[in-house]
C-alpha cells in the first residue's frame, strides 16, 4: 500500500493510492479525494484483495 500526496501551486494537489503496484485511486486522474463511502470501499477492497 502506497499513499502519496503532493501540494501544488496551480491545483489543489494530488492524492494517489497504489496497492501492489496498481493505481487504485487518483485525484489527479479525476477520482477526487476519497471523501465518500464508495471511494473508500474501492480502496479498502483493493487492500483486502492484496492480503
PDB file of N, CA and C in Angstrom:
ATOM      1  N   UNK A   1       0.856  -1.176   0.000  1.00  0.00           N
ATOM      2  CA  UNK A   1       0.000   0.000   0.000  1.00  0.00           C
ATOM      3  C   UNK A   1       0.892   1.225   0.000  1.00  0.00           C
ATOM      4  N   UNK A   2       0.642   2.098  -0.946  1.00  0.00           N
ATOM      5  CA  UNK A   2       1.406   3.333  -1.039  1.00  0.00           C
ATOM      6  C   UNK A   2       0.425   4.479  -1.234  1.00  0.00           C
ATOM      7  N   UNK A   3       0.423   5.404  -0.307  1.00  0.00           N
ATOM      8  CA  UNK A   3      -0.428   6.583  -0.407  1.00  0.00           C
ATOM      9  C   UNK A   3       0.489   7.787  -0.518  1.00  0.00           C
ATOM     10  N   UNK A   4       0.343   8.525  -1.596  1.00  0.00           N
ATOM     11  CA  UNK A   4       1.166   9.706  -1.788  1.00  0.00           C
ATOM     12  C   UNK A   4       0.286  10.925  -2.011  1.00  0.00           C
ATOM     13  N   UNK A   5       0.780  12.044  -1.558  1.00  0.00           N
ATOM     14  CA  UNK A   5       0.086  13.307  -1.818  1.00  0.00           C
ATOM     15  C   UNK A   5       1.132  14.354  -2.132  1.00  0.00           C
ATOM     16  N   UNK A   6       0.718  15.349  -2.863  1.00  0.00           N
ATOM     17  CA  UNK A   6       1.653  16.395  -3.256  1.00  0.00           C
ATOM     18  C   UNK A   6       0.893  17.708  -3.404  1.00  0.00           C
ATOM     19  N   UNK A   7       1.223  18.698  -2.592  1.00  0.00           N
ATOM     20  CA  UNK A   7       0.600  20.007  -2.779  1.00  0.00           C
ATOM     21  C   UNK A   7       1.182  20.675  -4.028  1.00  0.00           C
ATOM     22  N   UNK A   8       0.367  21.405  -4.722  1.00  0.00           N
ATOM     23  CA  UNK A   8       0.845  22.115  -5.900  1.00  0.00           C
ATOM     24  C   UNK A   8       0.343  23.553  -5.863  1.00  0.00           C
ATOM     25  N   UNK A   9       0.998  24.395  -6.601  1.00  0.00           N
ATOM     26  CA  UNK A   9       0.606  25.811  -6.594  1.00  0.00           C
ATOM     27  C   UNK A   9      -0.538  26.112  -7.551  1.00  0.00           C
ATOM     28  N   UNK A  10      -0.724  25.273  -8.578  1.00  0.00           N
ATOM     29  CA  UNK A  10      -1.744  25.584  -9.575  1.00  0.00           C
ATOM     30  C   UNK A  10      -3.013  24.743  -9.476  1.00  0.00           C
ATOM     31  N   UNK A  11      -3.005  23.672  -8.722  1.00  0.00           N
ATOM     32  CA  UNK A  11      -4.205  22.863  -8.467  1.00  0.00           C
ATOM     33  C   UNK A  11      -4.241  22.559  -6.981  1.00  0.00           C
ATOM     34  N   UNK A  12      -5.290  21.910  -6.518  1.00  0.00           N
ATOM     35  CA  UNK A  12      -5.411  21.653  -5.079  1.00  0.00           C
ATOM     36  C   UNK A  12      -4.579  20.473  -4.608  1.00  0.00           C
ATOM     37  N   UNK A  13      -3.718  19.948  -5.467  1.00  0.00           N
ATOM     38  CA  UNK A  13      -2.805  18.884  -5.068  1.00  0.00           C
ATOM     39  C   UNK A  13      -3.197  17.534  -5.625  1.00  0.00           C
ATOM     40  N   UNK A  14      -2.327  16.566  -5.377  1.00  0.00           N
ATOM     41  CA  UNK A  14      -2.539  15.203  -5.844  1.00  0.00           C
ATOM     42  C   UNK A  14      -2.720  14.285  -4.654  1.00  0.00           C
ATOM     43  N   UNK A  15      -3.505  13.217  -4.829  1.00  0.00           N
ATOM     44  CA  UNK A  15      -3.688  12.195  -3.808  1.00  0.00           C
ATOM     45  C   UNK A  15      -3.829  10.876  -4.546  1.00  0.00           C
ATOM     46  N   UNK A  16      -2.819  10.023  -4.449  1.00  0.00           N
ATOM     47  CA  UNK A  16      -2.776   8.774  -5.201  1.00  0.00           C
ATOM     48  C   UNK A  16      -2.668   7.593  -4.241  1.00  0.00           C
ATOM     49  N   UNK A  17      -3.415   6.524  -4.519  1.00  0.00           N
ATOM     50  CA  UNK A  17      -3.335   5.303  -3.718  1.00  0.00           C
ATOM     51  C   UNK A  17      -2.972   4.161  -4.657  1.00  0.00           C
ATOM     52  N   UNK A  18      -1.867   3.486  -4.343  1.00  0.00           N
ATOM     53  CA  UNK A  18      -1.399   2.356  -5.134  1.00  0.00           C
ATOM     54  C   UNK A  18      -1.329   1.126  -4.238  1.00  0.00           C
ATOM     55  N   UNK A  19      -1.868   0.012  -4.725  1.00  0.00           N
ATOM     56  CA  UNK A  19      -1.832  -1.251  -3.987  1.00  0.00           C
ATOM     57  C   UNK A  19      -1.177  -2.289  -4.893  1.00  0.00           C
ATOM     58  N   UNK A  20      -0.100  -2.898  -4.409  1.00  0.00           N
ATOM     59  CA  UNK A  20       0.651  -3.890  -5.193  1.00  0.00           C
ATOM     60  C   UNK A  20       0.994  -3.382  -6.590  1.00  0.00           C
ATOM     61  N   UNK A  21       1.400  -2.134  -6.685  1.00  0.00           N
ATOM     62  CA  UNK A  21       1.800  -1.563  -7.957  1.00  0.00           C
ATOM     63  C   UNK A  21       0.664  -1.117  -8.854  1.00  0.00           C
ATOM     64  N   UNK A  22      -0.578  -1.322  -8.423  1.00  0.00           N
ATOM     65  CA  UNK A  22      -1.745  -0.935  -9.222  1.00  0.00           C
ATOM     66  C   UNK A  22      -2.346   0.349  -8.655  1.00  0.00           C
ATOM     67  N   UNK A  23      -2.514   1.343  -9.508  1.00  0.00           N
ATOM     68  CA  UNK A  23      -3.132   2.597  -9.092  1.00  0.00           C
ATOM     69  C   UNK A  23      -4.619   2.358  -8.850  1.00  0.00           C
ATOM     70  N   UNK A  24      -5.048   2.543  -7.605  1.00  0.00           N
ATOM     71  CA  UNK A  24      -6.424   2.258  -7.207  1.00  0.00           C
ATOM     72  C   UNK A  24      -7.263   3.530  -7.158  1.00  0.00           C
ATOM     73  N   UNK A  25      -6.643   4.628  -6.773  1.00  0.00           N
ATOM     74  CA  UNK A  25      -7.363   5.897  -6.648  1.00  0.00           C
ATOM     75  C   UNK A  25      -6.419   7.019  -7.035  1.00  0.00           C
ATOM     76  N   UNK A  26      -6.899   7.923  -7.883  1.00  0.00           N
ATOM     77  CA  UNK A  26      -6.055   9.027  -8.334  1.00  0.00           C
ATOM     78  C   UNK A  26      -6.865  10.313  -8.417  1.00  0.00           C
ATOM     79  N   UNK A  27      -6.567  11.222  -7.523  1.00  0.00           N
ATOM     80  CA  UNK A  27      -7.208  12.542  -7.596  1.00  0.00           C
ATOM     81  C   UNK A  27      -6.795  13.233  -8.887  1.00  0.00           C
ATOM     82  N   UNK A  28      -5.544  13.057  -9.259  1.00  0.00           N
ATOM     83  CA  UNK A  28      -5.007  13.680 -10.472  1.00  0.00           C
ATOM     84  C   UNK A  28      -5.755  13.206 -11.723  1.00  0.00           C
ATOM     85  N   UNK A  29      -6.182  11.943 -11.726  1.00  0.00           N
ATOM     86  CA  UNK A  29      -6.885  11.386 -12.886  1.00  0.00           C
ATOM     87  C   UNK A  29      -8.400  11.529 -12.787  1.00  0.00           C
ATOM     88  N   UNK A  30      -8.878  12.313 -11.805  1.00  0.00           N
ATOM     89  CA  UNK A  30     -10.305  12.621 -11.763  1.00  0.00           C
ATOM     90  C   UNK A  30     -11.119  11.953 -10.678  1.00  0.00           C
ATOM     91  N   UNK A  31     -10.484  11.127  -9.826  1.00  0.00           N
ATOM     92  CA  UNK A  31     -11.238  10.458  -8.758  1.00  0.00           C
ATOM     93  C   UNK A  31     -11.565  11.394  -7.599  1.00  0.00           C
ATOM     94  N   UNK A  32     -10.908  12.530  -7.519  1.00  0.00           N
ATOM     95  CA  UNK A  32     -11.129  13.450  -6.403  1.00  0.00           C
ATOM     96  C   UNK A  32     -10.544  12.893  -5.119  1.00  0.00           C
ATOM     97  N   UNK A  33     -10.897  13.500  -4.016  1.00  0.00           N
ATOM     98  CA  UNK A  33     -10.463  12.983  -2.715  1.00  0.00           C
ATOM     99  C   UNK A  33     -11.326  11.786  -2.339  1.00  0.00           C
ATOM    100  N   UNK A  34     -10.799  10.854  -1.543  1.00  0.00           N
ATOM    101  CA  UNK A  34     -11.610   9.702  -1.110  1.00  0.00           C
ATOM    102  C   UNK A  34     -12.558  10.131   0.012  1.00  0.00           C
ATOM    103  N   UNK A  35     -13.553  10.922  -0.349  1.00  0.00           N
ATOM    104  CA  UNK A  35     -14.430  11.542   0.636  1.00  0.00           C
ATOM    105  C   UNK A  35     -15.850  10.980   0.647  1.00  0.00           C
ATOM    106  N   UNK A  36     -16.036   9.837  -0.014  1.00  0.00           N
ATOM    107  CA  UNK A  36     -17.345   9.174   0.020  1.00  0.00           C
ATOM    108  C   UNK A  36     -17.144   7.712   0.389  1.00  0.00           C
ATOM    109  N   UNK A  37     -18.193   7.088   0.836  1.00  0.00           N
ATOM    110  CA  UNK A  37     -18.142   5.668   1.195  1.00  0.00           C
ATOM    111  C   UNK A  37     -17.743   4.826  -0.020  1.00  0.00           C
ATOM    112  N   UNK A  38     -18.266   5.159  -1.173  1.00  0.00           N
ATOM    113  CA  UNK A  38     -17.974   4.391  -2.384  1.00  0.00           C
ATOM    114  C   UNK A  38     -16.484   4.440  -2.732  1.00  0.00           C
ATOM    115  N   UNK A  39     -15.900   5.618  -2.633  1.00  0.00           N
ATOM    116  CA  UNK A  39     -14.468   5.755  -2.932  1.00  0.00           C
ATOM    117  C   UNK A  39     -13.625   4.997  -1.913  1.00  0.00           C
ATOM    118  N   UNK A  40     -13.986   5.094  -0.640  1.00  0.00           N
ATOM    119  CA  UNK A  40     -13.238   4.377   0.399  1.00  0.00           C
ATOM    120  C   UNK A  40     -13.408   2.873   0.248  1.00  0.00           C
ATOM    121  N   UNK A  41     -14.617   2.424  -0.087  1.00  0.00           N
ATOM    122  CA  UNK A  41     -14.859   0.993  -0.281  1.00  0.00           C
ATOM    123  C   UNK A  41     -13.977   0.435  -1.391  1.00  0.00           C
ATOM    124  N   UNK A  42     -13.809   1.197  -2.457  1.00  0.00           N
ATOM    125  CA  UNK A  42     -12.957   0.766  -3.570  1.00  0.00           C
ATOM    126  C   UNK A  42     -11.510   0.580  -3.102  1.00  0.00           C
ATOM    127  N   UNK A  43     -11.020   1.505  -2.305  1.00  0.00           N
ATOM    128  CA  UNK A  43      -9.650   1.425  -1.795  1.00  0.00           C
ATOM    129  C   UNK A  43      -9.509   0.259  -0.822  1.00  0.00           C
ATOM    130  N   UNK A  44     -10.444   0.140   0.111  1.00  0.00           N
ATOM    131  CA  UNK A  44     -10.402  -0.938   1.109  1.00  0.00           C
ATOM    132  C   UNK A  44     -10.473  -2.297   0.427  1.00  0.00           C
ATOM    133  N   UNK A  45     -11.330  -2.436  -0.578  1.00  0.00           N
ATOM    134  CA  UNK A  45     -11.448  -3.705  -1.303  1.00  0.00           C
ATOM    135  C   UNK A  45     -10.115  -4.086  -1.948  1.00  0.00           C
ATOM    136  N   UNK A  46      -9.446  -3.124  -2.552  1.00  0.00           N
ATOM    137  CA  UNK A  46      -8.151  -3.399  -3.185  1.00  0.00           C
ATOM    138  C   UNK A  46      -7.115  -3.840  -2.157  1.00  0.00           C
ATOM    139  N   UNK A  47      -7.120  -3.211  -0.986  1.00  0.00           N
ATOM    140  CA  UNK A  47      -6.184  -3.581   0.081  1.00  0.00           C
ATOM    141  C   UNK A  47      -6.488  -4.986   0.580  1.00  0.00           C
ATOM    142  N   UNK A  48      -7.760  -5.291   0.811  1.00  0.00           N
ATOM    143  CA  UNK A  48      -8.136  -6.620   1.307  1.00  0.00           C
ATOM    144  C   UNK A  48      -7.797  -7.709   0.300  1.00  0.00           C
ATOM    145  N   UNK A  49      -8.003  -7.447  -0.981  1.00  0.00           N
ATOM    146  CA  UNK A  49      -7.691  -8.439  -2.011  1.00  0.00           C
ATOM    147  C   UNK A  49      -6.191  -8.675  -2.139  1.00  0.00           C
ATOM    148  N   UNK A  50      -5.396  -7.715  -1.728  1.00  0.00           N
ATOM    149  CA  UNK A  50      -3.942  -7.836  -1.829  1.00  0.00           C
ATOM    150  C   UNK A  50      -3.340  -8.647  -0.686  1.00  0.00           C
ATOM    151  N   UNK A  51      -4.119  -8.925   0.339  1.00  0.00           N
ATOM    152  CA  UNK A  51      -3.597  -9.661   1.504  1.00  0.00           C
ATOM    153  C   UNK A  51      -3.235 -11.074   1.149  1.00  0.00           C
TER     154      UNK A  51
END
